[in-house]
C-alpha atoms as a PDB file:
ATOM      1  CA  UNK A   1     -15.566   2.590  -7.892  1.00  0.00           C
ATOM      2  CA  UNK A   2     -16.128   5.189  -5.237  1.00  0.00           C
ATOM      3  CA  UNK A   3     -13.444   7.698  -4.344  1.00  0.00           C
ATOM      4  CA  UNK A   4     -13.463   6.366  -0.770  1.00  0.00           C
ATOM      5  CA  UNK A   5     -12.811   2.795  -1.898  1.00  0.00           C
ATOM      6  CA  UNK A   6     -10.136   3.953  -4.342  1.00  0.00           C
ATOM      7  CA  UNK A   7      -8.373   5.879  -1.566  1.00  0.00           C
ATOM      8  CA  UNK A   8      -8.607   2.853   0.725  1.00  0.00           C
ATOM      9  CA  UNK A   9      -7.036   0.590  -1.900  1.00  0.00           C
ATOM     10  CA  UNK A  10      -4.330   3.148  -2.558  1.00  0.00           C
ATOM     11  CA  UNK A  11      -3.369   3.220   1.123  1.00  0.00           C
ATOM     12  CA  UNK A  12      -3.338  -0.596   1.282  1.00  0.00           C
ATOM     13  CA  UNK A  13      -1.468  -1.227  -1.982  1.00  0.00           C
ATOM     14  CA  UNK A  14       1.954  -1.651  -0.360  1.00  0.00           C
ATOM     15  CA  UNK A  15       0.582  -4.034   2.258  1.00  0.00           C
ATOM     16  CA  UNK A  16      -1.345  -6.081  -0.312  1.00  0.00           C
ATOM     17  CA  UNK A  17       1.722  -6.314  -2.541  1.00  0.00           C
ATOM     18  CA  UNK A  18       3.959  -7.298   0.355  1.00  0.00           C
ATOM     19  CA  UNK A  19       1.588 -10.067   1.458  1.00  0.00           C
ATOM     20  CA  UNK A  20       1.264 -11.315  -2.123  1.00  0.00           C
ATOM     21  CA  UNK A  21       5.011 -11.206  -2.633  1.00  0.00           C
ATOM     22  CA  UNK A  22       5.572 -13.379   0.419  1.00  0.00           C
ATOM     23  CA  UNK A  23       3.085 -15.946  -0.855  1.00  0.00           C
ATOM     24  CA  UNK A  24       4.576 -16.011  -4.370  1.00  0.00           C
ATOM     25  CA  UNK A  25       8.125 -16.307  -3.063  1.00  0.00           C
ATOM     26  CA  UNK A  26       7.160 -19.315  -0.941  1.00  0.00           C
ATOM     27  CA  UNK A  27       5.291 -20.985  -3.805  1.00  0.00           C
ATOM     28  CA  UNK A  28       8.004 -20.371  -6.414  1.00  0.00           C
ATOM     29  CA  UNK A  29      11.030 -20.627  -4.116  1.00  0.00           C
ATOM     30  CA  UNK A  30      12.520 -17.667  -5.983  1.00  0.00           C
ATOM     31  CA  UNK A  31      13.369 -14.899  -3.562  1.00  0.00           C
ATOM     32  CA  UNK A  32      15.284 -12.582  -5.884  1.00  0.00           C
ATOM     33  CA  UNK A  33      13.029 -12.467  -8.973  1.00  0.00           C
ATOM     34  CA  UNK A  34      10.500  -9.967  -7.696  1.00  0.00           C
ATOM     35  CA  UNK A  35      10.860  -6.308  -6.706  1.00  0.00           C
ATOM     36  CA  UNK A  36      10.452  -5.621  -3.000  1.00  0.00           C
ATOM     37  CA  UNK A  37       8.121  -2.691  -3.684  1.00  0.00           C
ATOM     38  CA  UNK A  38       5.150  -2.700  -6.010  1.00  0.00           C
ATOM     39  CA  UNK A  39       6.376  -1.343  -9.358  1.00  0.00           C
ATOM     40  CA  UNK A  40       2.861  -0.455 -10.528  1.00  0.00           C
ATOM     41  CA  UNK A  41       0.444   2.292  -9.667  1.00  0.00           C
ATOM     42  CA  UNK A  42      -3.091   1.578  -8.574  1.00  0.00           C
ATOM     43  CA  UNK A  43      -4.294   3.178 -11.807  1.00  0.00           C
ATOM     44  CA  UNK A  44      -2.262   0.694 -13.830  1.00  0.00           C
ATOM     45  CA  UNK A  45      -3.486  -2.278 -11.825  1.00  0.00           C
ATOM     46  CA  UNK A  46      -7.111  -1.242 -12.236  1.00  0.00           C
ATOM     47  CA  UNK A  47      -6.844  -0.558 -15.972  1.00  0.00           C
ATOM     48  CA  UNK A  48      -8.125  -3.658 -17.803  1.00  0.00           C
ATOM     49  CA  UNK A  49      -6.296  -2.609 -20.983  1.00  0.00           C
ATOM     50  CA  UNK A  50      -2.894  -2.148 -19.342  1.00  0.00           C
ATOM     51  CA  UNK A  51      -0.223  -4.839 -19.299  1.00  0.00           C
ATOM     52  CA  UNK A  52       3.234  -4.491 -17.743  1.00  0.00           C
ATOM     53  CA  UNK A  53       6.234  -4.384 -20.061  1.00  0.00           C
ATOM     54  CA  UNK A  54       8.783  -7.132 -19.638  1.00  0.00           C
END
């Protein structure tokens, strides 16, 4: 991944998460189960060996 593309994704992460959150909330009808802000860093999301802790 180029540095330019990485920087672009990093600037769009909040917007992408917000759009995704809206879709998931509509589909699941659960408005209070998900954090309003992305709890993960771009590095975590791009790491294929990383899984969030529940």
